[in-house]
Amino acid sequence: MSAQIVASVSGKGRDTKKLIERAKTGDASCLPEIRALLADDKEFREDLGSPVEWLWQTFMKKLAGKHLLIQEAAKQKLDELRSELEGPNPTPIERLLAQRACLCWFIVHWHETAYFGNDGMTLQQADYYQRRIDRAHARFLSAVRTLAQIRKLALPTLQVNIARNQVNVAESQP
């Protein structure tokens, strides 16, 4: 988390850096300034206040270390996948579920890479890796299934009644 703060603060001025140092020590007198900073800078607030961003930063440290090319390629891939899953006009819940599905997708492949890149495992170690993959895959499928269910609920209902010499079509909006 502290590396994330450092990265987010790198483009900020000296006053902001001092403010953050005060906040790190628990100086409650700086809360009004902190609130103003977060209200003015949505990107800064998103970087520091998002558990998804914290998880992503943790992944990047383990996956790529300081290698910027790998970090940026992975970030762009996840952003592209998230955008595809969100669709053209996503609701807030669709955005959250698409983000979750992307992270779960990433984790499944991360565990599979660890499994296939680890030669000479014992049967117990192989079973451990397989269980990690299975659990990650179940979480991925759950996220995708939930996203699909939310989308299905948002579709309009179409009712067609056919009787002798009569056709009634009624459409309801959610």
N, C-alpha and C. Protein backbone atom coordinates (compact mmCIF):
# COMPACT_ATOMS: atom_id res chain seq x y z
N MET A 1 0.83 -1.19 0.00
CA MET A 1 0.00 0.00 0.00
C MET A 1 0.87 1.25 0.00
N SER A 2 1.95 1.26 0.75
CA SER A 2 2.81 2.46 0.79
C SER A 2 3.46 2.72 -0.56
N ALA A 3 3.79 1.67 -1.31
CA ALA A 3 4.34 1.87 -2.65
C ALA A 3 3.29 2.50 -3.56
N GLN A 4 2.05 2.13 -3.34
CA GLN A 4 0.97 2.71 -4.14
C GLN A 4 0.81 4.19 -3.82
N ILE A 5 0.93 4.55 -2.56
CA ILE A 5 0.86 5.96 -2.17
C ILE A 5 2.00 6.73 -2.80
N VAL A 6 3.19 6.16 -2.76
CA VAL A 6 4.36 6.81 -3.36
C VAL A 6 4.13 7.02 -4.85
N ALA A 7 3.61 5.99 -5.54
CA ALA A 7 3.37 6.12 -6.97
C ALA A 7 2.31 7.17 -7.26
N SER A 8 1.27 7.22 -6.45
CA SER A 8 0.19 8.18 -6.67
C SER A 8 0.62 9.60 -6.36
N VAL A 9 1.53 9.76 -5.42
CA VAL A 9 1.97 11.07 -4.97
C VAL A 9 3.07 11.63 -5.86
N SER A 10 3.71 10.78 -6.65
CA SER A 10 4.90 11.21 -7.40
C SER A 10 4.64 12.44 -8.26
N GLY A 11 3.44 12.60 -8.77
CA GLY A 11 3.14 13.77 -9.60
C GLY A 11 2.59 14.94 -8.82
N LYS A 12 2.46 14.81 -7.54
CA LYS A 12 1.88 15.86 -6.69
C LYS A 12 2.97 16.81 -6.21
N GLY A 13 2.52 17.95 -5.71
CA GLY A 13 3.45 18.96 -5.23
C GLY A 13 3.98 18.65 -3.83
N ARG A 14 4.91 19.49 -3.40
CA ARG A 14 5.55 19.33 -2.09
C ARG A 14 4.54 19.42 -0.95
N ASP A 15 3.56 20.32 -1.08
CA ASP A 15 2.55 20.47 -0.03
C ASP A 15 1.74 19.19 0.14
N THR A 16 1.40 18.56 -0.98
CA THR A 16 0.64 17.32 -0.91
C THR A 16 1.46 16.23 -0.25
N LYS A 17 2.74 16.17 -0.57
CA LYS A 17 3.60 15.16 0.04
C LYS A 17 3.70 15.37 1.55
N LYS A 18 3.78 16.62 1.97
CA LYS A 18 3.82 16.91 3.41
C LYS A 18 2.51 16.52 4.07
N LEU A 19 1.41 16.81 3.39
CA LEU A 19 0.09 16.45 3.91
C LEU A 19 -0.01 14.93 4.10
N ILE A 20 0.48 14.20 3.15
CA ILE A 20 0.42 12.74 3.23
C ILE A 20 1.31 12.23 4.35
N GLU A 21 2.43 12.84 4.55
CA GLU A 21 3.30 12.46 5.67
C GLU A 21 2.58 12.68 7.01
N ARG A 22 1.86 13.80 7.12
CA ARG A 22 1.09 14.06 8.34
C ARG A 22 0.00 13.02 8.52
N ALA A 23 -0.66 12.66 7.42
CA ALA A 23 -1.73 11.67 7.49
C ALA A 23 -1.19 10.30 7.90
N LYS A 24 0.00 9.95 7.42
CA LYS A 24 0.60 8.66 7.77
C LYS A 24 0.87 8.54 9.27
N THR A 25 1.11 9.67 9.92
CA THR A 25 1.39 9.64 11.36
C THR A 25 0.12 9.68 12.19
N GLY A 26 -1.04 9.81 11.54
CA GLY A 26 -2.31 9.84 12.27
C GLY A 26 -2.70 11.21 12.76
N ASP A 27 -2.12 12.26 12.20
CA ASP A 27 -2.42 13.63 12.60
C ASP A 27 -3.83 14.00 12.13
N ALA A 28 -4.81 13.94 13.04
CA ALA A 28 -6.21 14.19 12.69
C ALA A 28 -6.46 15.62 12.25
N SER A 29 -5.57 16.54 12.58
CA SER A 29 -5.77 17.94 12.19
C SER A 29 -5.70 18.13 10.67
N CYS A 30 -5.16 17.14 9.96
CA CYS A 30 -5.03 17.28 8.51
C CYS A 30 -6.24 16.69 7.76
N LEU A 31 -7.23 16.15 8.48
CA LEU A 31 -8.38 15.54 7.82
C LEU A 31 -9.13 16.48 6.88
N PRO A 32 -9.40 17.72 7.25
CA PRO A 32 -10.08 18.60 6.29
C PRO A 32 -9.29 18.77 4.97
N GLU A 33 -7.99 18.88 5.09
CA GLU A 33 -7.17 19.02 3.88
C GLU A 33 -7.17 17.72 3.07
N ILE A 34 -7.13 16.58 3.76
CA ILE A 34 -7.17 15.28 3.08
C ILE A 34 -8.50 15.14 2.33
N ARG A 35 -9.59 15.48 2.99
CA ARG A 35 -10.91 15.39 2.35
C ARG A 35 -11.00 16.30 1.13
N ALA A 36 -10.44 17.50 1.23
CA ALA A 36 -10.44 18.42 0.09
C ALA A 36 -9.61 17.86 -1.06
N LEU A 37 -8.46 17.29 -0.74
CA LEU A 37 -7.59 16.70 -1.76
C LEU A 37 -8.32 15.57 -2.49
N LEU A 38 -8.96 14.70 -1.75
CA LEU A 38 -9.66 13.57 -2.35
C LEU A 38 -10.89 14.02 -3.14
N ALA A 39 -11.55 15.07 -2.68
CA ALA A 39 -12.72 15.59 -3.40
C ALA A 39 -12.31 16.23 -4.73
N ASP A 40 -11.13 16.86 -4.75
CA ASP A 40 -10.66 17.56 -5.95
C ASP A 40 -10.03 16.64 -6.98
N ASP A 41 -9.49 15.51 -6.54
CA ASP A 41 -8.70 14.65 -7.43
C ASP A 41 -9.28 13.24 -7.44
N LYS A 42 -10.23 13.00 -8.36
CA LYS A 42 -10.92 11.71 -8.44
C LYS A 42 -9.94 10.57 -8.72
N GLU A 43 -8.99 10.79 -9.61
CA GLU A 43 -8.03 9.74 -9.95
C GLU A 43 -7.18 9.34 -8.74
N PHE A 44 -6.74 10.33 -7.99
CA PHE A 44 -5.96 10.10 -6.77
C PHE A 44 -6.80 9.30 -5.77
N ARG A 45 -8.05 9.71 -5.61
CA ARG A 45 -8.96 9.02 -4.69
C ARG A 45 -9.17 7.58 -5.14
N GLU A 46 -9.34 7.37 -6.44
CA GLU A 46 -9.56 6.03 -6.97
C GLU A 46 -8.32 5.15 -6.77
N ASP A 47 -7.15 5.71 -7.00
CA ASP A 47 -5.91 4.93 -6.83
C ASP A 47 -5.72 4.48 -5.39
N LEU A 48 -6.01 5.36 -4.46
CA LEU A 48 -5.74 5.05 -3.05
C LEU A 48 -6.92 4.40 -2.33
N GLY A 49 -8.13 4.61 -2.81
CA GLY A 49 -9.30 4.14 -2.09
C GLY A 49 -9.95 2.90 -2.66
N SER A 50 -9.34 2.31 -3.67
CA SER A 50 -9.96 1.18 -4.35
C SER A 50 -9.29 -0.14 -3.96
N PRO A 51 -10.02 -1.04 -3.32
CA PRO A 51 -9.45 -2.36 -3.01
C PRO A 51 -9.01 -3.10 -4.27
N VAL A 52 -9.72 -2.87 -5.37
CA VAL A 52 -9.32 -3.51 -6.63
C VAL A 52 -7.94 -3.01 -7.05
N GLU A 53 -7.71 -1.73 -6.89
CA GLU A 53 -6.40 -1.16 -7.24
C GLU A 53 -5.32 -1.70 -6.31
N TRP A 54 -5.64 -1.87 -5.03
CA TRP A 54 -4.66 -2.44 -4.08
C TRP A 54 -4.28 -3.85 -4.51
N LEU A 55 -5.30 -4.64 -4.86
CA LEU A 55 -5.05 -6.02 -5.29
C LEU A 55 -4.22 -6.03 -6.57
N TRP A 56 -4.57 -5.15 -7.51
CA TRP A 56 -3.84 -5.06 -8.77
C TRP A 56 -2.37 -4.72 -8.53
N GLN A 57 -2.10 -3.76 -7.64
CA GLN A 57 -0.72 -3.38 -7.32
C GLN A 57 0.04 -4.55 -6.71
N THR A 58 -0.63 -5.33 -5.87
CA THR A 58 0.00 -6.52 -5.28
C THR A 58 0.35 -7.53 -6.37
N PHE A 59 -0.58 -7.76 -7.29
CA PHE A 59 -0.31 -8.66 -8.41
C PHE A 59 0.90 -8.19 -9.21
N MET A 60 0.92 -6.90 -9.50
CA MET A 60 2.00 -6.38 -10.34
C MET A 60 3.36 -6.54 -9.68
N LYS A 61 3.42 -6.34 -8.38
CA LYS A 61 4.69 -6.53 -7.67
C LYS A 61 5.16 -7.97 -7.81
N LYS A 62 4.23 -8.91 -7.67
CA LYS A 62 4.61 -10.33 -7.75
C LYS A 62 4.87 -10.76 -9.18
N LEU A 63 4.10 -10.25 -10.09
CA LEU A 63 4.20 -10.67 -11.48
C LEU A 63 5.39 -10.04 -12.20
N ALA A 64 5.49 -8.73 -12.10
CA ALA A 64 6.44 -8.01 -12.94
C ALA A 64 7.54 -7.30 -12.18
N GLY A 65 7.42 -7.20 -10.87
CA GLY A 65 8.41 -6.43 -10.13
C GLY A 65 8.41 -4.99 -10.61
N LYS A 66 9.55 -4.51 -11.03
CA LYS A 66 9.67 -3.13 -11.52
C LYS A 66 9.61 -3.03 -13.04
N HIS A 67 9.39 -4.17 -13.72
CA HIS A 67 9.40 -4.21 -15.18
C HIS A 67 8.18 -3.48 -15.74
N LEU A 68 8.37 -2.26 -16.21
CA LEU A 68 7.27 -1.41 -16.65
C LEU A 68 6.55 -1.95 -17.89
N LEU A 69 7.28 -2.61 -18.77
CA LEU A 69 6.65 -3.15 -19.98
C LEU A 69 5.62 -4.20 -19.62
N ILE A 70 5.97 -5.12 -18.74
CA ILE A 70 5.04 -6.16 -18.32
C ILE A 70 3.87 -5.56 -17.55
N GLN A 71 4.16 -4.62 -16.66
CA GLN A 71 3.09 -3.96 -15.91
C GLN A 71 2.09 -3.30 -16.84
N GLU A 72 2.58 -2.54 -17.78
CA GLU A 72 1.70 -1.79 -18.68
C GLU A 72 0.94 -2.73 -19.61
N ALA A 73 1.59 -3.76 -20.12
CA ALA A 73 0.91 -4.72 -21.00
C ALA A 73 -0.22 -5.43 -20.26
N ALA A 74 0.04 -5.86 -19.03
CA ALA A 74 -0.98 -6.53 -18.23
C ALA A 74 -2.12 -5.58 -17.91
N LYS A 75 -1.79 -4.36 -17.56
CA LYS A 75 -2.83 -3.36 -17.24
C LYS A 75 -3.71 -3.11 -18.46
N GLN A 76 -3.09 -2.94 -19.62
CA GLN A 76 -3.87 -2.68 -20.82
C GLN A 76 -4.74 -3.87 -21.20
N LYS A 77 -4.21 -5.09 -21.02
CA LYS A 77 -5.00 -6.29 -21.31
C LYS A 77 -6.22 -6.36 -20.41
N LEU A 78 -6.03 -6.12 -19.11
CA LEU A 78 -7.17 -6.16 -18.19
C LEU A 78 -8.16 -5.03 -18.47
N ASP A 79 -7.67 -3.85 -18.81
CA ASP A 79 -8.56 -2.73 -19.14
C ASP A 79 -9.39 -3.06 -20.39
N GLU A 80 -8.75 -3.68 -21.39
CA GLU A 80 -9.44 -4.05 -22.62
C GLU A 80 -10.50 -5.12 -22.33
N LEU A 81 -10.13 -6.12 -21.55
CA LEU A 81 -11.08 -7.19 -21.21
C LEU A 81 -12.25 -6.63 -20.40
N ARG A 82 -11.95 -5.78 -19.43
CA ARG A 82 -13.00 -5.18 -18.62
C ARG A 82 -13.96 -4.37 -19.48
N SER A 83 -13.42 -3.60 -20.40
CA SER A 83 -14.24 -2.79 -21.29
C SER A 83 -15.15 -3.67 -22.15
N GLU A 84 -14.62 -4.78 -22.65
CA GLU A 84 -15.42 -5.70 -23.45
C GLU A 84 -16.55 -6.31 -22.63
N LEU A 85 -16.23 -6.69 -21.39
CA LEU A 85 -17.25 -7.30 -20.54
C LEU A 85 -18.30 -6.28 -20.09
N GLU A 86 -17.89 -5.05 -19.89
CA GLU A 86 -18.83 -4.01 -19.46
C GLU A 86 -19.88 -3.74 -20.53
N GLY A 87 -19.47 -3.73 -21.79
CA GLY A 87 -20.39 -3.40 -22.85
C GLY A 87 -20.49 -1.90 -23.03
N PRO A 88 -21.40 -1.46 -23.92
CA PRO A 88 -21.44 -0.05 -24.29
C PRO A 88 -21.96 0.90 -23.20
N ASN A 89 -22.97 0.52 -22.45
CA ASN A 89 -23.55 1.40 -21.44
C ASN A 89 -23.73 0.63 -20.12
N PRO A 90 -22.64 0.33 -19.44
CA PRO A 90 -22.77 -0.50 -18.24
C PRO A 90 -23.38 0.25 -17.06
N THR A 91 -24.14 -0.47 -16.27
CA THR A 91 -24.64 0.06 -15.01
C THR A 91 -23.50 -0.04 -14.00
N PRO A 92 -23.61 0.64 -12.87
CA PRO A 92 -22.54 0.51 -11.85
C PRO A 92 -22.28 -0.93 -11.42
N ILE A 93 -23.35 -1.73 -11.28
CA ILE A 93 -23.15 -3.13 -10.87
C ILE A 93 -22.47 -3.92 -11.98
N GLU A 94 -22.79 -3.62 -13.23
CA GLU A 94 -22.11 -4.30 -14.34
C GLU A 94 -20.63 -3.95 -14.37
N ARG A 95 -20.30 -2.69 -14.08
CA ARG A 95 -18.89 -2.30 -14.03
C ARG A 95 -18.15 -3.06 -12.94
N LEU A 96 -18.76 -3.15 -11.76
CA LEU A 96 -18.12 -3.88 -10.65
C LEU A 96 -17.94 -5.36 -10.98
N LEU A 97 -18.98 -5.98 -11.54
CA LEU A 97 -18.90 -7.40 -11.87
C LEU A 97 -17.92 -7.67 -13.01
N ALA A 98 -17.86 -6.78 -13.99
CA ALA A 98 -16.89 -6.94 -15.07
C ALA A 98 -15.47 -6.83 -14.53
N GLN A 99 -15.25 -5.90 -13.62
CA GLN A 99 -13.95 -5.74 -12.98
C GLN A 99 -13.58 -7.00 -12.20
N ARG A 100 -14.55 -7.52 -11.46
CA ARG A 100 -14.33 -8.74 -10.67
C ARG A 100 -14.01 -9.92 -11.58
N ALA A 101 -14.75 -10.06 -12.66
CA ALA A 101 -14.51 -11.16 -13.60
C ALA A 101 -13.11 -11.07 -14.19
N CYS A 102 -12.67 -9.86 -14.51
CA CYS A 102 -11.32 -9.68 -15.08
C CYS A 102 -10.25 -10.08 -14.07
N LEU A 103 -10.40 -9.64 -12.84
CA LEU A 103 -9.42 -10.01 -11.82
C LEU A 103 -9.41 -11.51 -11.58
N CYS A 104 -10.59 -12.11 -11.54
CA CYS A 104 -10.65 -13.57 -11.35
C CYS A 104 -10.02 -14.30 -12.53
N TRP A 105 -10.27 -13.82 -13.73
CA TRP A 105 -9.66 -14.41 -14.93
C TRP A 105 -8.13 -14.36 -14.81
N PHE A 106 -7.64 -13.20 -14.39
CA PHE A 106 -6.20 -13.02 -14.22
C PHE A 106 -5.64 -14.01 -13.21
N ILE A 107 -6.34 -14.16 -12.08
CA ILE A 107 -5.87 -15.04 -11.01
C ILE A 107 -5.85 -16.50 -11.47
N VAL A 108 -6.87 -16.93 -12.20
CA VAL A 108 -6.89 -18.30 -12.72
C VAL A 108 -5.63 -18.56 -13.54
N HIS A 109 -5.34 -17.65 -14.45
CA HIS A 109 -4.17 -17.85 -15.32
C HIS A 109 -2.86 -17.73 -14.55
N TRP A 110 -2.85 -16.90 -13.54
CA TRP A 110 -1.66 -16.77 -12.71
C TRP A 110 -1.37 -18.10 -12.01
N HIS A 111 -2.40 -18.70 -11.43
CA HIS A 111 -2.22 -19.99 -10.75
C HIS A 111 -1.84 -21.10 -11.73
N GLU A 112 -2.43 -21.07 -12.91
CA GLU A 112 -2.08 -22.08 -13.91
C GLU A 112 -0.63 -21.92 -14.36
N THR A 113 -0.18 -20.70 -14.50
CA THR A 113 1.22 -20.45 -14.86
C THR A 113 2.15 -20.99 -13.78
N ALA A 114 1.81 -20.75 -12.53
CA ALA A 114 2.62 -21.24 -11.42
C ALA A 114 2.65 -22.77 -11.43
N TYR A 115 1.52 -23.39 -11.72
CA TYR A 115 1.45 -24.85 -11.75
C TYR A 115 2.30 -25.43 -12.87
N PHE A 116 2.13 -24.92 -14.08
CA PHE A 116 2.85 -25.48 -15.22
C PHE A 116 4.32 -25.07 -15.25
N GLY A 117 4.67 -24.03 -14.53
CA GLY A 117 6.06 -23.60 -14.48
C GLY A 117 6.84 -24.24 -13.36
N ASN A 118 6.21 -25.13 -12.62
CA ASN A 118 6.84 -25.74 -11.46
C ASN A 118 7.09 -27.22 -11.72
N ASP A 119 8.23 -27.53 -12.31
CA ASP A 119 8.57 -28.92 -12.60
C ASP A 119 9.05 -29.62 -11.34
N GLY A 120 8.87 -30.92 -11.32
CA GLY A 120 9.39 -31.72 -10.21
C GLY A 120 8.57 -31.62 -8.94
N MET A 121 7.27 -31.37 -9.06
CA MET A 121 6.41 -31.29 -7.88
C MET A 121 6.11 -32.68 -7.35
N THR A 122 5.88 -32.74 -6.06
CA THR A 122 5.36 -33.97 -5.47
C THR A 122 3.87 -34.04 -5.78
N LEU A 123 3.26 -35.19 -5.56
CA LEU A 123 1.82 -35.32 -5.78
C LEU A 123 1.05 -34.39 -4.86
N GLN A 124 1.53 -34.21 -3.65
CA GLN A 124 0.87 -33.32 -2.70
C GLN A 124 0.94 -31.87 -3.18
N GLN A 125 2.08 -31.46 -3.70
CA GLN A 125 2.20 -30.10 -4.22
C GLN A 125 1.33 -29.89 -5.45
N ALA A 126 1.31 -30.89 -6.33
CA ALA A 126 0.48 -30.79 -7.53
C ALA A 126 -0.99 -30.69 -7.16
N ASP A 127 -1.42 -31.46 -6.16
CA ASP A 127 -2.80 -31.39 -5.70
C ASP A 127 -3.11 -30.01 -5.13
N TYR A 128 -2.17 -29.45 -4.39
CA TYR A 128 -2.33 -28.11 -3.83
C TYR A 128 -2.56 -27.08 -4.94
N TYR A 129 -1.71 -27.13 -5.97
CA TYR A 129 -1.85 -26.19 -7.08
C TYR A 129 -3.17 -26.40 -7.82
N GLN A 130 -3.56 -27.64 -8.02
CA GLN A 130 -4.82 -27.92 -8.71
C GLN A 130 -6.01 -27.37 -7.93
N ARG A 131 -5.98 -27.51 -6.61
CA ARG A 131 -7.07 -26.97 -5.80
C ARG A 131 -7.11 -25.45 -5.88
N ARG A 132 -5.95 -24.81 -5.90
CA ARG A 132 -5.92 -23.35 -6.07
C ARG A 132 -6.53 -22.94 -7.40
N ILE A 133 -6.17 -23.66 -8.45
CA ILE A 133 -6.71 -23.36 -9.78
C ILE A 133 -8.23 -23.57 -9.78
N ASP A 134 -8.67 -24.69 -9.21
CA ASP A 134 -10.11 -24.99 -9.19
C ASP A 134 -10.90 -23.92 -8.44
N ARG A 135 -10.40 -23.49 -7.29
CA ARG A 135 -11.10 -22.46 -6.51
C ARG A 135 -11.13 -21.13 -7.27
N ALA A 136 -10.00 -20.78 -7.87
CA ALA A 136 -9.93 -19.52 -8.64
C ALA A 136 -10.88 -19.59 -9.84
N HIS A 137 -10.93 -20.75 -10.48
CA HIS A 137 -11.81 -20.91 -11.63
C HIS A 137 -13.28 -20.83 -11.20
N ALA A 138 -13.62 -21.39 -10.06
CA ALA A 138 -14.99 -21.31 -9.56
C ALA A 138 -15.37 -19.85 -9.28
N ARG A 139 -14.44 -19.07 -8.72
CA ARG A 139 -14.72 -17.65 -8.47
C ARG A 139 -14.91 -16.90 -9.79
N PHE A 140 -14.10 -17.23 -10.78
CA PHE A 140 -14.24 -16.60 -12.10
C PHE A 140 -15.61 -16.91 -12.70
N LEU A 141 -15.98 -18.20 -12.69
CA LEU A 141 -17.28 -18.57 -13.25
C LEU A 141 -18.43 -17.92 -12.50
N SER A 142 -18.30 -17.81 -11.20
CA SER A 142 -19.33 -17.15 -10.39
C SER A 142 -19.48 -15.69 -10.79
N ALA A 143 -18.37 -15.00 -10.99
CA ALA A 143 -18.42 -13.59 -11.39
C ALA A 143 -19.06 -13.43 -12.76
N VAL A 144 -18.69 -14.28 -13.70
CA VAL A 144 -19.24 -14.19 -15.06
C VAL A 144 -20.72 -14.55 -15.04
N ARG A 145 -21.08 -15.59 -14.29
CA ARG A 145 -22.49 -16.01 -14.19
C ARG A 145 -23.33 -14.88 -13.58
N THR A 146 -22.82 -14.25 -12.55
CA THR A 146 -23.56 -13.17 -11.91
C THR A 146 -23.73 -11.99 -12.86
N LEU A 147 -22.69 -11.67 -13.60
CA LEU A 147 -22.78 -10.59 -14.59
C LEU A 147 -23.86 -10.92 -15.63
N ALA A 148 -23.87 -12.16 -16.10
CA ALA A 148 -24.88 -12.58 -17.08
C ALA A 148 -26.29 -12.50 -16.49
N GLN A 149 -26.45 -12.89 -15.21
CA GLN A 149 -27.76 -12.83 -14.57
C GLN A 149 -28.25 -11.39 -14.43
N ILE A 150 -27.34 -10.49 -14.06
CA ILE A 150 -27.70 -9.08 -13.94
C ILE A 150 -28.15 -8.54 -15.29
N ARG A 151 -27.45 -8.90 -16.33
CA ARG A 151 -27.84 -8.44 -17.67
C ARG A 151 -29.19 -9.01 -18.07
N LYS A 152 -29.42 -10.28 -17.74
CA LYS A 152 -30.69 -10.92 -18.09
C LYS A 152 -31.85 -10.23 -17.37
N LEU A 153 -31.63 -9.85 -16.11
CA LEU A 153 -32.68 -9.16 -15.35
C LEU A 153 -33.00 -7.80 -15.95
N ALA A 154 -32.03 -7.19 -16.58
CA ALA A 154 -32.22 -5.85 -17.14
C ALA A 154 -32.93 -5.86 -18.49
N LEU A 155 -33.06 -7.04 -19.10
CA LEU A 155 -33.73 -7.11 -20.40
C LEU A 155 -35.23 -6.90 -20.22
N PRO A 156 -35.85 -6.22 -21.18
CA PRO A 156 -37.30 -6.04 -21.09
C PRO A 156 -38.02 -7.38 -21.27
N THR A 157 -39.15 -7.52 -20.60
CA THR A 157 -39.96 -8.72 -20.72
C THR A 157 -40.93 -8.52 -21.87
N LEU A 158 -41.06 -9.52 -22.70
CA LEU A 158 -41.96 -9.45 -23.84
C LEU A 158 -43.03 -10.52 -23.65
N GLN A 159 -44.29 -10.12 -23.70
CA GLN A 159 -45.39 -11.06 -23.53
C GLN A 159 -46.23 -11.04 -24.80
N VAL A 160 -46.48 -12.22 -25.33
CA VAL A 160 -47.30 -12.34 -26.54
C VAL A 160 -48.48 -13.25 -26.21
N ASN A 161 -49.69 -12.75 -26.36
CA ASN A 161 -50.91 -13.54 -26.16
C ASN A 161 -51.54 -13.75 -27.53
N ILE A 162 -51.77 -14.99 -27.88
CA ILE A 162 -52.39 -15.29 -29.17
C ILE A 162 -53.71 -16.01 -28.89
N ALA A 163 -54.78 -15.41 -29.34
CA ALA A 163 -56.10 -16.02 -29.19
C ALA A 163 -56.80 -15.94 -30.54
N ARG A 164 -58.00 -16.43 -30.59
CA ARG A 164 -58.74 -16.43 -31.86
C ARG A 164 -58.88 -15.00 -32.37
N ASN A 165 -58.30 -14.74 -33.53
CA ASN A 165 -58.37 -13.46 -34.21
C ASN A 165 -57.82 -12.29 -33.37
N GLN A 166 -56.89 -12.58 -32.49
CA GLN A 166 -56.39 -11.53 -31.63
C GLN A 166 -54.92 -11.79 -31.32
N VAL A 167 -54.09 -10.72 -31.38
CA VAL A 167 -52.70 -10.81 -30.99
C VAL A 167 -52.42 -9.61 -30.09
N ASN A 168 -52.01 -9.86 -28.86
CA ASN A 168 -51.66 -8.79 -27.92
C ASN A 168 -50.15 -8.89 -27.63
N VAL A 169 -49.49 -7.80 -27.76
CA VAL A 169 -48.06 -7.74 -27.43
C VAL A 169 -47.86 -6.69 -26.36
N ALA A 170 -47.30 -7.09 -25.23
CA ALA A 170 -47.06 -6.14 -24.14
C ALA A 170 -45.59 -6.23 -23.76
N GLU A 171 -45.00 -5.09 -23.60
CA GLU A 171 -43.59 -5.04 -23.22
C GLU A 171 -43.50 -4.29 -21.92
N SER A 172 -42.74 -4.83 -20.96
CA SER A 172 -42.56 -4.13 -19.69
C SER A 172 -41.12 -3.73 -19.53
N GLN A 173 -40.92 -2.62 -18.89
CA GLN A 173 -39.58 -2.14 -18.61
C GLN A 173 -39.25 -2.43 -17.16
N PRO A 174 -38.01 -2.83 -16.86
CA PRO A 174 -37.65 -3.10 -15.47
C PRO A 174 -37.62 -1.84 -14.64
